[in-house]
Protein backbone atom coordinates (compact mmCIF):
# COMPACT_ATOMS: atom_id res chain seq x y z
CA MET A 1 -10.58 -11.91 -8.56
CA ASN A 2 -13.81 -10.33 -7.35
CA ARG A 3 -15.01 -7.77 -9.94
CA LYS A 4 -15.49 -5.06 -7.32
CA LEU A 5 -11.97 -5.60 -5.95
CA PHE A 6 -10.57 -5.53 -9.49
CA LEU A 7 -12.30 -2.21 -10.20
CA ASP A 8 -11.12 -0.75 -6.88
CA ILE A 9 -7.50 -1.61 -7.72
CA LEU A 10 -7.87 -0.42 -11.33
CA MET A 11 -9.46 2.93 -10.47
CA GLY A 12 -7.63 3.50 -7.20
CA SER A 13 -4.12 2.55 -8.27
CA VAL A 14 -3.51 1.42 -11.84
CA ILE A 15 -5.18 4.25 -13.80
CA PRO A 16 -3.78 7.08 -11.60
CA ILE A 17 -0.27 5.62 -11.96
CA LEU A 18 -0.65 5.36 -15.75
CA ILE A 19 -1.90 8.97 -15.90
CA LEU A 20 1.02 10.27 -13.81
CA ASN A 21 3.57 8.43 -15.93
CA ASN A 22 2.19 9.07 -19.43
CA LEU A 23 0.13 12.26 -19.72
CA ASN A 24 2.46 14.96 -18.40
CA GLU A 25 3.44 16.30 -21.82
CA ARG A 26 -0.09 16.07 -23.21
CA LEU A 27 -2.04 17.59 -20.29
CA GLY A 28 0.64 19.53 -18.43
CA THR A 29 2.18 18.37 -15.19
CA GLU A 30 -0.13 20.16 -12.73
CA PHE A 31 -3.35 19.20 -14.53
CA THR A 32 -2.09 15.62 -14.87
CA TYR A 33 -1.48 15.45 -11.13
CA VAL A 34 -4.98 16.75 -10.32
CA VAL A 35 -6.66 14.33 -12.75
CA ALA A 36 -4.73 11.38 -11.32
CA ALA A 37 -5.62 12.41 -7.76
CA LEU A 38 -9.32 12.82 -8.57
CA VAL A 39 -9.82 9.52 -10.44
CA PRO A 40 -10.00 7.36 -7.25
CA VAL A 41 -12.10 10.04 -5.54
CA ALA A 42 -14.58 10.06 -8.40
CA TRP A 43 -14.69 6.26 -8.42
CA VAL A 44 -15.53 6.06 -4.71
CA LEU A 45 -18.33 8.62 -5.05
CA ILE A 46 -19.74 7.02 -8.23
CA ASP A 47 -19.65 3.60 -6.60
CA SER A 48 -21.39 4.89 -3.46
CA PHE A 49 -24.09 7.02 -5.09
CA PHE A 50 -24.79 5.26 -8.39
CA ILE A 51 -23.62 1.63 -8.17
CA THR A 52 -23.84 0.38 -4.59
CA LYS A 53 -26.60 2.86 -3.69
CA ARG A 54 -26.43 1.93 -0.02
CA PHE A 55 -26.06 4.89 2.27
CA ASN A 56 -24.94 3.86 5.72
CA PHE A 57 -22.14 4.47 8.17
CA ILE A 58 -19.52 2.68 6.07
CA THR A 59 -20.34 4.42 2.78
CA SER A 60 -20.59 7.78 4.57
CA TYR A 61 -17.18 7.21 6.18
CA ILE A 62 -15.55 6.18 2.90
CA GLY A 63 -17.25 9.02 1.05
CA ALA A 64 -16.04 11.57 3.61
CA LEU A 65 -12.44 10.36 3.24
CA ALA A 66 -12.77 10.55 -0.54
CA ILE A 67 -14.02 14.14 -0.36
CA ILE A 68 -11.11 15.10 1.92
CA ARG A 69 -8.65 13.58 -0.57
CA GLY A 70 -10.40 15.39 -3.40
CA LEU A 71 -10.08 18.75 -1.68
CA LEU A 72 -6.44 18.09 -0.81
CA ALA A 73 -5.69 17.37 -4.48
CA PHE A 74 -5.77 21.14 -5.01
CA TRP A 75 -3.21 21.78 -2.28
CA PHE A 76 -0.12 22.05 -4.46
CA VAL A 77 2.83 21.26 -2.21
CA ASP A 78 5.95 19.12 -2.20
CA GLY A 79 8.50 17.79 0.27
CA ILE A 80 7.36 17.20 3.83
CA GLN A 81 4.07 19.00 3.20
CA PHE A 82 3.22 16.55 0.42
CA ALA A 83 4.13 13.62 2.64
CA PHE A 84 1.79 15.03 5.28
CA LYS A 85 -0.97 15.60 2.71
CA ASP A 86 -0.73 12.09 1.32
CA SER A 87 -1.03 10.71 4.85
CA ALA A 88 -4.09 12.82 5.71
CA GLY A 89 -6.44 9.84 5.37
CA SER A 90 -4.49 7.93 8.02
CA ILE A 91 -4.51 10.97 10.30
CA VAL A 92 -8.29 11.35 10.02
CA LEU A 93 -8.84 7.63 10.58
CA THR A 94 -6.62 7.73 13.67
CA LEU A 95 -8.54 10.64 15.15
CA VAL A 96 -11.89 8.97 14.47
CA PHE A 97 -10.81 5.64 15.98
CA VAL A 98 -9.22 7.22 19.05
CA GLY A 99 -12.25 9.45 19.56
CA SER A 100 -14.61 6.47 19.33
CA ILE A 101 -12.70 4.67 22.09
CA ILE A 102 -12.63 7.76 24.30
CA ILE A 103 -16.41 8.23 24.08
CA ARG A 104 -16.94 4.46 24.56
CA LYS A 105 -18.45 3.98 21.13
CA PRO A 106 -15.82 1.79 19.41
CA ILE A 107 -15.92 2.31 15.68
CA MET A 108 -15.91 -1.45 15.00
CA TYR A 109 -19.42 -1.55 16.49
CA TYR A 110 -20.74 0.50 13.59
CA PHE A 111 -18.79 -1.45 10.98
CA LEU A 112 -20.16 -4.67 12.44
CA MET A 113 -23.75 -3.44 12.50
CA GLN A 114 -23.52 -2.45 8.85
CA GLY A 115 -21.61 -5.58 7.87
CA LEU A 116 -24.10 -7.99 9.45
CA ASP A 117 -26.98 -5.87 8.11
CA PRO A 118 -29.97 -6.99 10.25
CA SER A 119 -33.05 -7.30 8.04
CA SER A 120 -35.71 -6.44 10.63
CA PRO A 121 -36.10 -4.33 13.79
CA ARG A 122 -36.25 -7.57 15.76
CA GLN A 123 -32.91 -8.75 14.41
CA GLU A 124 -31.39 -5.34 15.01
CA LYS A 125 -32.55 -5.31 18.64
CA SER A 126 -31.22 -8.84 19.23
CA LEU A 127 -27.87 -7.93 17.69
CA LYS A 128 -27.55 -4.78 19.79
CA ASN A 129 -28.29 -6.82 22.93
CA LEU A 130 -25.50 -9.21 21.98
CA LEU A 131 -23.04 -6.40 21.31
CA ARG A 132 -23.70 -4.96 24.76
CA GLU A 133 -22.39 -8.10 26.46
CA SER A 134 -19.16 -7.43 28.35
CA ARG A 135 -16.89 -9.74 26.37
CA VAL A 136 -18.24 -8.55 23.05
CA TYR A 137 -17.81 -4.91 24.03
CA ARG A 138 -14.20 -5.56 25.07
CA ALA A 139 -13.61 -7.34 21.75
CA LEU A 140 -15.05 -4.36 19.88
CA VAL A 141 -12.67 -2.05 21.76
CA ASN A 142 -9.70 -4.37 21.23
CA GLY A 143 -10.59 -4.80 17.56
CA THR A 144 -10.74 -1.04 17.15
CA ILE A 145 -7.32 -0.74 18.82
CA VAL A 146 -5.83 -3.42 16.52
CA VAL A 147 -7.06 -1.61 13.39
CA LEU A 148 -5.86 1.69 14.88
CA ILE A 149 -2.34 0.36 15.54
CA VAL A 150 -2.06 -1.09 12.04
CA ASN A 151 -3.30 2.19 10.55
CA LEU A 152 -0.72 4.14 12.57
CA TRP A 153 2.03 1.87 11.25
CA THR A 154 0.90 2.10 7.63
CA GLY A 155 0.43 5.86 7.98
CA ILE A 156 4.00 6.27 9.25
CA ALA A 157 5.25 4.01 6.45
CA ASN A 158 3.31 6.03 3.86
CA PHE A 159 4.68 9.31 5.22
CA SER A 160 8.25 7.98 5.26
CA LEU A 161 8.06 6.60 1.71
CA ASN A 162 6.69 9.87 0.38
CA LEU A 163 9.34 11.86 2.21
CA ARG A 164 12.11 9.62 0.86
CA ILE A 165 10.93 9.14 -2.73
CA VAL A 166 8.96 12.28 -3.69
CA VAL A 167 11.81 14.79 -3.61
CA ALA A 168 11.24 16.69 -6.87
CA ASP A 169 9.50 20.07 -7.01
CA PHE A 170 5.74 20.13 -7.53
CA GLY A 171 4.70 20.89 -11.11
CA THR A 172 7.47 18.86 -12.73
CA ALA A 173 7.19 15.60 -14.64
CA MET A 174 9.69 14.05 -12.22
CA PHE A 175 7.41 14.93 -9.28
CA ASN A 176 4.47 13.14 -10.91
CA GLN A 177 6.59 10.12 -11.72
CA GLN A 178 7.83 9.93 -8.14
CA VAL A 179 4.25 10.17 -6.86
CA ALA A 180 3.34 7.30 -9.20
CA GLN A 181 6.27 5.30 -7.83
CA VAL A 182 5.10 5.77 -4.24
CA ASN A 183 1.51 4.96 -5.16
CA ALA A 184 2.63 1.74 -6.82
CA ILE A 185 4.11 0.69 -3.48
CA THR A 186 1.66 2.07 -0.94
CA ARG A 187 -1.72 1.53 -2.60
CA ILE A 188 -1.18 -2.23 -2.76
CA ALA A 189 1.54 -3.17 -0.26
CA LEU A 190 0.15 -1.17 2.66
CA ALA A 191 -3.36 -2.48 2.03
CA ILE A 192 -2.18 -5.99 2.99
CA PRO A 193 -1.39 -5.28 6.69
CA GLU A 194 -4.57 -3.20 6.89
CA LEU A 195 -6.62 -6.19 5.69
CA ILE A 196 -4.77 -8.43 8.15
CA GLY A 197 -5.58 -6.00 10.97
CA VAL A 198 -9.27 -6.00 10.07
CA GLY A 199 -9.16 -9.80 9.89
CA ILE A 200 -7.65 -10.07 13.39
CA ALA A 201 -10.29 -7.68 14.73
CA ALA A 202 -13.04 -9.75 13.07
CA VAL A 203 -11.72 -12.97 14.67
CA LEU A 204 -11.62 -11.38 18.14
CA ILE A 205 -15.17 -10.07 17.81
CA ARG A 206 -16.52 -13.30 16.31
CA ARG A 207 -15.11 -15.39 19.17
CA ALA A 208 -16.63 -13.04 21.73
CA MET A 209 -20.05 -13.12 20.05
CA PHE A 210 -20.16 -16.90 19.78
CA TYR A 211 -19.26 -17.17 23.47
CA TYR A 212 -22.80 -15.91 24.18
CA LEU A 213 -24.58 -17.83 21.43
CA PRO A 214 -26.06 -21.30 22.05
CA LYS A 215 -25.40 -24.26 19.78
CA GLU A 216 -28.01 -26.05 17.75
CA ASN A 217 -28.32 -29.77 18.45
CA GLY A 218 -25.36 -31.66 17.02
CA LYS A 219 -23.92 -28.64 15.26
CA GLU A 220 -20.90 -26.45 15.71
CA HIS A 221 -21.34 -22.69 15.60
CA SER A 222 -19.81 -22.52 12.12
CA GLU A 223 -22.44 -24.94 10.79
CA SER A 224 -25.40 -22.81 11.86
CA ASP A 225 -26.82 -19.56 10.55
CA PHE A 226 -25.80 -16.64 12.74
CA TRP A 227 -29.29 -15.17 12.83
CA ASP A 228 -30.80 -18.54 13.78
CA LEU A 229 -28.43 -18.76 16.73
CA LEU A 230 -29.19 -15.20 17.74
CA GLN A 231 -32.93 -15.95 17.65
CA LEU A 232 -32.36 -19.14 19.67
CA ARG A 233 -30.49 -17.07 22.27
CA GLU A 234 -33.42 -14.65 22.55
CA THR A 235 -35.87 -17.55 22.84
CA GLN A 236 -33.85 -19.17 25.62
CA LYS A 237 -33.66 -15.85 27.49
CA THR A 238 -37.43 -15.49 27.26
CA VAL A 239 -38.00 -19.03 28.56
CA LYS A 240 -35.71 -18.39 31.54
CA LYS A 241 -37.74 -15.33 32.49
CA LEU A 242 -40.99 -17.33 32.56
């Protein structure tokens, strides 16, 4: 397993669950809950500011969600309010994705720009030209919609599981144990369809981009470097203009 993925699972799921299940008597139920809620928040911020040290759209987006979760950790509620609170990340993501489509700036565009990480102004300009092509733009919109739909489904599932399982009063050991039970299900199981959704979006966008990219002699697209093909496309466009 990738070390980063292992640490994300450990800090985001395993340690909080262990804290909720084992430290109630030692720390007190309310303090235990807050500590467990803040561990993944702290990990995201430490990873962004001190380990990865790359400040871009993706890290800003993840950091903002982490801060929201951190603030909500101090909202001591139970029942339907807790289910709503635990689904706040999905609500924010939904609003951001819908808003990006409305203003015609699909959020997948920004994820793609950061993911491909052009190393020079020339590469960045060439990539932006490619992403403005009609098929690529439609794929960016469709990819954003796919991720949005999956997020809506997982958000509803997360809300329903919390509403069904976390029925104890806040501030009790049983409440913390029920939160740990939900986390054990949602933090891993619901991540799978989300990854699948992102994968489908990536395939749609990749196909659209390669539609506009030329092929090197005797090679399939998959055998060539993406940036080489993008440069070849720009060269061919320049030759046609001459």
